Amino acid sequence: MRIHFHGYPSFHFSRVGVGWVPKWLTMKAQCRGMGKRLTPTMISILLVLVALPIVFNSAQTGNVVGNDLNNPEEVYDNCDTLAPESDEDETAEFCGDRLHRTEHAFNGGWALLGHMVGGSLLMFSAPITFNSNVLKKRKGLHRKAGYAFILGGVITGISALSMTIIFPNRFSAFNVFTNLLWGTLLVGSPLMALRAILAGRVKSHRAWMIRCYAVAAGPSGHRWLFFVVDIIGDFGVSLLIFLIGEMIIRRVGLKTLRTMMSIDKGVSGQNLDNPSTK
């Protein structure tokens, strides 16, 4: 029998039934028709690539915000000098953001720094959290990365909500809606994941972790999928990534939102969410 390999071939073979077959074929049923399974290393590399735009943007913006907080007089001097000489809206907006962060240090500058630190923490811990080899061989590291992931999500969500609720006039009406939507999901989904794992509901835990990551990966998608942003906008790309996350949850047999709502209606979570499933 001739086997056609698509993408990156695996050279690991195992005995299944009659004859020798590539090891990844033995996992096909677990992926429910998704095709060849990505290795844990490939998944971690992919998640690192997704994290890069967010981490780089956080480092660049964080440097500017930190300098503004430490040297507010420099902000006033620079903006008083630059703004009147330039009619460019971008320059005026940049100075407006810097002045706002300086005048409202806690809910402006420090909240933004918290947002970026939390987002970077979440994205950096994801390659470890979602690596199945780490889960199997180094459970302590997996647990620590998971707590870092959850903490990063909560910090990112709370900071986004606080900046939006306290200063709604700094955003358009639609941006207020999207900030509240994604911020609420960033706070709620990691807390739901923590609640699920503490109760031994492993499938629900994994589903909420994937859901949280899909929300957090939205800003990175704006950079990587810039050609799609021109068509459906930032919110469209974020929604697309969120829906892809829901498709992954469904394909690998985890708890969908519909299933979890049925649990809340009285169906036994122990039967629907077997913690022994790996």
Protein backbone atom coordinates (compact mmCIF):
# COMPACT_ATOMS: atom_id res chain seq x y z
CA MET A 1 0.00 0.00 0.00
CA ARG A 2 1.40 3.38 -0.99
CA ILE A 3 1.09 6.12 1.57
CA HIS A 4 1.13 9.73 0.36
CA PHE A 5 2.53 12.21 2.89
CA HIS A 6 1.22 15.74 2.85
CA GLY A 7 3.15 18.59 4.40
CA TYR A 8 5.95 17.61 6.73
CA PRO A 9 6.34 13.80 6.83
CA SER A 10 6.84 11.88 10.06
CA PHE A 11 9.43 9.10 10.07
CA HIS A 12 8.24 7.53 13.34
CA PHE A 13 6.49 4.21 12.79
CA SER A 14 4.45 2.03 15.10
CA ARG A 15 2.74 -1.35 14.90
CA VAL A 16 -1.03 -0.97 14.53
CA GLY A 17 -3.16 -3.93 13.55
CA VAL A 18 -1.46 -5.48 10.53
CA GLY A 19 1.67 -3.85 9.17
CA TRP A 20 3.70 -0.78 10.03
CA VAL A 21 2.18 2.68 9.62
CA PRO A 22 3.42 6.21 10.38
CA LYS A 23 2.88 7.05 14.03
CA TRP A 24 0.87 10.16 13.28
CA LEU A 25 -1.77 8.06 11.54
CA THR A 26 -2.56 6.39 14.87
CA MET A 27 -3.64 9.81 16.17
CA LYS A 28 -5.98 10.62 13.31
CA ALA A 29 -9.10 9.50 15.16
CA GLN A 30 -8.26 11.86 18.02
CA CYS A 31 -8.16 14.83 15.65
CA ARG A 32 -11.53 13.89 14.09
CA GLY A 33 -10.61 14.35 10.48
CA MET A 34 -8.28 17.32 10.89
CA GLY A 35 -5.64 15.47 8.87
CA LYS A 36 -2.11 15.10 10.05
CA ARG A 37 -1.57 16.07 13.65
CA LEU A 38 0.93 18.81 14.42
CA THR A 39 3.68 17.71 16.76
CA PRO A 40 3.94 19.44 20.16
CA THR A 41 7.15 21.15 19.03
CA MET A 42 5.50 22.48 15.88
CA ILE A 43 2.58 23.81 17.91
CA SER A 44 4.93 25.59 20.31
CA ILE A 45 6.88 27.15 17.42
CA LEU A 46 3.63 28.31 15.83
CA LEU A 47 2.49 29.90 19.10
CA VAL A 48 5.85 31.66 19.47
CA LEU A 49 5.42 33.15 16.00
CA VAL A 50 1.91 34.31 16.92
CA ALA A 51 3.29 35.94 20.08
CA LEU A 52 6.04 37.93 18.34
CA PRO A 53 3.96 40.94 17.14
CA ILE A 54 2.39 41.39 20.58
CA VAL A 55 5.70 41.07 22.43
CA PHE A 56 7.54 43.44 20.08
CA ASN A 57 4.75 46.01 20.21
CA SER A 58 4.62 45.75 24.01
CA ALA A 59 8.37 46.28 24.28
CA GLN A 60 8.32 49.30 21.98
CA THR A 61 5.23 50.95 23.47
CA GLY A 62 6.23 50.03 27.02
CA ASN A 63 9.50 51.87 26.61
CA VAL A 64 7.66 55.04 25.52
CA VAL A 65 5.05 54.77 28.29
CA GLY A 66 7.64 54.09 30.97
CA ASN A 67 9.72 57.06 29.88
CA ASP A 68 6.65 59.32 29.87
CA LEU A 69 5.71 58.25 33.39
CA ASN A 70 9.23 58.86 34.66
CA ASN A 71 9.71 62.18 32.82
CA PRO A 72 6.34 63.96 32.53
CA GLU A 73 7.96 67.34 32.02
CA GLU A 74 9.65 66.03 28.89
CA VAL A 75 6.25 65.05 27.50
CA TYR A 76 4.86 68.54 28.05
CA ASP A 77 7.91 70.17 26.47
CA ASN A 78 7.97 67.90 23.42
CA CYS A 79 4.24 68.05 22.73
CA ASP A 80 4.09 71.81 23.25
CA THR A 81 6.88 72.09 20.69
CA LEU A 82 5.74 69.55 18.13
CA ALA A 83 1.97 69.82 18.10
CA PRO A 84 1.65 73.48 17.01
CA GLU A 85 4.20 73.03 14.20
CA SER A 86 2.49 70.00 12.71
CA ASP A 87 -0.95 69.72 11.18
CA GLU A 88 -0.70 65.95 10.94
CA ASP A 89 -3.49 64.18 12.84
CA GLU A 90 -1.13 61.33 13.72
CA THR A 91 1.27 63.62 15.57
CA ALA A 92 -1.56 65.31 17.46
CA GLU A 93 -3.06 61.93 18.39
CA PHE A 94 0.33 60.64 19.56
CA CYS A 95 0.82 63.66 21.79
CA GLY A 96 -2.75 63.38 23.05
CA ASP A 97 -2.11 59.77 24.11
CA ARG A 98 1.15 60.68 25.84
CA LEU A 99 -0.41 63.61 27.69
CA HIS A 100 -3.35 61.46 28.78
CA ARG A 101 -1.06 58.75 30.15
CA THR A 102 0.99 61.35 31.99
CA GLU A 103 -1.95 63.20 33.51
CA HIS A 104 -3.73 59.95 34.46
CA ALA A 105 -0.77 57.86 35.51
CA PHE A 106 -2.62 55.00 37.22
CA ASN A 107 -5.61 54.44 34.92
CA GLY A 108 -3.76 55.65 31.85
CA GLY A 109 -0.06 54.84 31.87
CA TRP A 110 0.17 52.06 34.45
CA ALA A 111 -3.01 50.36 33.21
CA LEU A 112 -1.59 50.30 29.70
CA LEU A 113 1.69 48.87 30.97
CA GLY A 114 -0.26 46.21 32.85
CA HIS A 115 -2.20 45.43 29.69
CA MET A 116 1.00 44.88 27.72
CA VAL A 117 2.78 42.92 30.46
CA GLY A 118 -0.26 40.71 30.96
CA GLY A 119 -0.61 40.09 27.24
CA SER A 120 3.08 39.23 26.87
CA LEU A 121 2.90 36.90 29.88
CA LEU A 122 -0.07 35.08 28.39
CA MET A 123 1.48 34.77 24.94
CA PHE A 124 4.89 33.69 26.26
CA SER A 125 3.39 30.99 28.49
CA ALA A 126 1.10 29.61 25.77
CA PRO A 127 3.83 27.60 23.92
CA ILE A 128 4.51 25.72 27.17
CA THR A 129 0.88 25.49 28.29
CA PHE A 130 -0.33 23.93 25.04
CA ASN A 131 2.63 21.58 24.57
CA SER A 132 1.38 18.05 25.27
CA ASN A 133 4.91 16.74 25.85
CA VAL A 134 5.36 19.21 28.70
CA LEU A 135 1.98 18.12 30.11
CA LYS A 136 2.99 14.45 30.07
CA LYS A 137 6.62 14.69 31.15
CA ARG A 138 6.85 17.89 33.22
CA LYS A 139 3.53 18.45 34.92
CA GLY A 140 5.01 20.96 37.36
CA LEU A 141 6.21 23.19 34.52
CA HIS A 142 2.85 22.82 32.77
CA ARG A 143 1.05 23.87 35.94
CA LYS A 144 3.27 26.92 36.45
CA ALA A 145 2.89 27.98 32.82
CA GLY A 146 -0.87 27.53 33.14
CA TYR A 147 -1.04 29.78 36.19
CA ALA A 148 1.06 32.38 34.35
CA PHE A 149 -1.30 32.10 31.37
CA ILE A 150 -4.37 32.60 33.56
CA LEU A 151 -2.78 35.50 35.45
CA GLY A 152 -1.76 37.17 32.19
CA GLY A 153 -5.28 36.86 30.80
CA VAL A 154 -6.89 38.33 33.91
CA ILE A 155 -4.43 41.26 34.05
CA THR A 156 -4.91 41.98 30.35
CA GLY A 157 -8.69 41.86 30.59
CA ILE A 158 -8.99 43.94 33.75
CA SER A 159 -6.68 46.65 32.39
CA ALA A 160 -8.63 46.80 29.11
CA LEU A 161 -11.93 47.07 30.97
CA SER A 162 -10.65 49.72 33.38
CA MET A 163 -9.23 51.95 30.63
CA THR A 164 -12.48 51.67 28.67
CA ILE A 165 -14.92 52.13 31.53
CA ILE A 166 -13.08 55.03 33.17
CA PHE A 167 -12.29 56.88 29.91
CA PRO A 168 -14.99 55.84 27.40
CA ASN A 169 -14.73 59.16 25.56
CA ARG A 170 -11.27 58.21 24.33
CA PHE A 171 -12.80 55.51 22.15
CA SER A 172 -15.45 55.37 19.48
CA ALA A 173 -18.76 53.77 20.43
CA PHE A 174 -17.88 50.63 18.48
CA ASN A 175 -14.44 50.39 20.10
CA VAL A 176 -16.04 50.71 23.53
CA PHE A 177 -18.22 47.71 22.63
CA THR A 178 -15.31 45.62 21.33
CA ASN A 179 -13.07 46.53 24.27
CA LEU A 180 -15.77 45.50 26.73
CA LEU A 181 -16.47 42.30 24.80
CA TRP A 182 -12.87 41.09 24.48
CA GLY A 183 -11.92 42.41 27.92
CA THR A 184 -14.75 40.48 29.56
CA LEU A 185 -13.75 37.30 27.72
CA LEU A 186 -10.12 37.77 28.71
CA VAL A 187 -11.12 37.97 32.36
CA GLY A 188 -13.84 35.35 32.31
CA SER A 189 -12.34 32.58 30.19
CA PRO A 190 -9.12 32.03 32.22
CA LEU A 191 -11.11 32.15 35.46
CA MET A 192 -13.50 29.56 34.04
CA ALA A 193 -10.50 27.46 33.02
CA LEU A 194 -9.11 27.68 36.55
CA ARG A 195 -12.47 26.79 38.06
CA ALA A 196 -12.80 23.79 35.74
CA ILE A 197 -9.37 22.31 36.46
CA LEU A 198 -9.78 22.74 40.21
CA ALA A 199 -13.03 20.78 39.90
CA GLY A 200 -11.31 18.08 37.82
CA ARG A 201 -13.14 18.94 34.59
CA VAL A 202 -10.20 18.61 32.23
CA LYS A 203 -12.08 18.94 28.95
CA SER A 204 -13.81 22.13 30.01
CA HIS A 205 -10.49 23.46 31.30
CA ARG A 206 -8.80 22.89 27.96
CA ALA A 207 -11.70 24.39 26.05
CA TRP A 208 -11.62 27.59 28.12
CA MET A 209 -7.84 27.85 27.76
CA ILE A 210 -8.10 27.59 23.97
CA ARG A 211 -10.95 30.11 24.01
CA CYS A 212 -8.87 32.56 26.06
CA TYR A 213 -5.93 32.20 23.71
CA ALA A 214 -8.13 32.77 20.66
CA VAL A 215 -9.26 36.09 22.16
CA ALA A 216 -5.72 37.14 23.14
CA ALA A 217 -4.32 36.24 19.71
CA GLY A 218 -6.63 38.74 17.99
CA PRO A 219 -4.19 41.71 18.05
CA SER A 220 -1.44 39.47 16.68
CA GLY A 221 -3.77 38.46 13.88
CA HIS A 222 -4.18 42.13 12.97
CA ARG A 223 -0.44 42.19 12.15
CA TRP A 224 -0.01 38.80 10.51
CA LEU A 225 -3.29 39.01 8.56
CA PHE A 226 -2.94 42.66 7.55
CA PHE A 227 -4.23 41.85 4.05
CA VAL A 228 -7.46 40.49 5.59
CA VAL A 229 -7.80 43.51 7.90
CA ASP A 230 -8.21 45.70 4.81
CA ILE A 231 -11.29 43.64 3.93
CA ILE A 232 -13.06 42.80 7.21
CA GLY A 233 -11.36 45.16 9.67
CA ASP A 234 -9.70 44.52 13.04
CA PHE A 235 -12.88 43.26 14.69
CA GLY A 236 -13.56 40.92 11.79
CA VAL A 237 -10.10 39.36 12.12
CA SER A 238 -10.46 39.01 15.90
CA LEU A 239 -13.86 37.37 15.44
CA LEU A 240 -12.43 35.08 12.77
CA ILE A 241 -9.65 33.91 15.09
CA PHE A 242 -12.16 33.37 17.90
CA LEU A 243 -14.32 31.23 15.61
CA ILE A 244 -11.27 29.23 14.55
CA GLY A 245 -10.64 28.56 18.23
CA GLU A 246 -14.21 27.30 18.61
CA MET A 247 -13.72 25.05 15.57
CA ILE A 248 -10.58 23.58 17.13
CA ILE A 249 -12.45 22.97 20.38
CA ARG A 250 -15.18 21.14 18.50
CA ARG A 251 -12.82 19.14 16.27
CA VAL A 252 -10.72 17.74 19.11
CA GLY A 253 -13.79 16.79 21.12
CA LEU A 254 -13.60 19.32 23.96
CA LYS A 255 -16.47 21.14 25.60
CA THR A 256 -18.25 23.56 23.29
CA LEU A 257 -20.25 26.45 24.68
CA ARG A 258 -23.43 24.60 23.78
CA THR A 259 -22.38 21.49 25.72
CA MET A 260 -21.34 23.51 28.76
CA MET A 261 -24.69 25.30 28.80
CA SER A 262 -26.37 21.90 28.90
CA ILE A 263 -24.23 21.06 31.93
CA ASP A 264 -25.44 24.22 33.66
CA LYS A 265 -29.01 23.08 33.04
CA GLY A 266 -28.50 20.05 35.20
CA VAL A 267 -26.68 17.42 33.16
CA SER A 268 -23.94 15.74 35.16
CA GLY A 269 -20.60 17.38 34.40
CA GLN A 270 -18.77 14.29 35.61
CA ASN A 271 -20.25 12.19 32.82
CA LEU A 272 -19.78 14.73 30.07
CA ASP A 273 -16.35 15.85 31.14
CA ASN A 274 -14.26 12.81 31.95
CA PRO A 275 -11.09 14.03 33.64
CA SER A 276 -9.25 10.93 32.56
CA THR A 277 -9.35 12.04 28.92
CA LYS A 278 -5.94 13.10 27.70
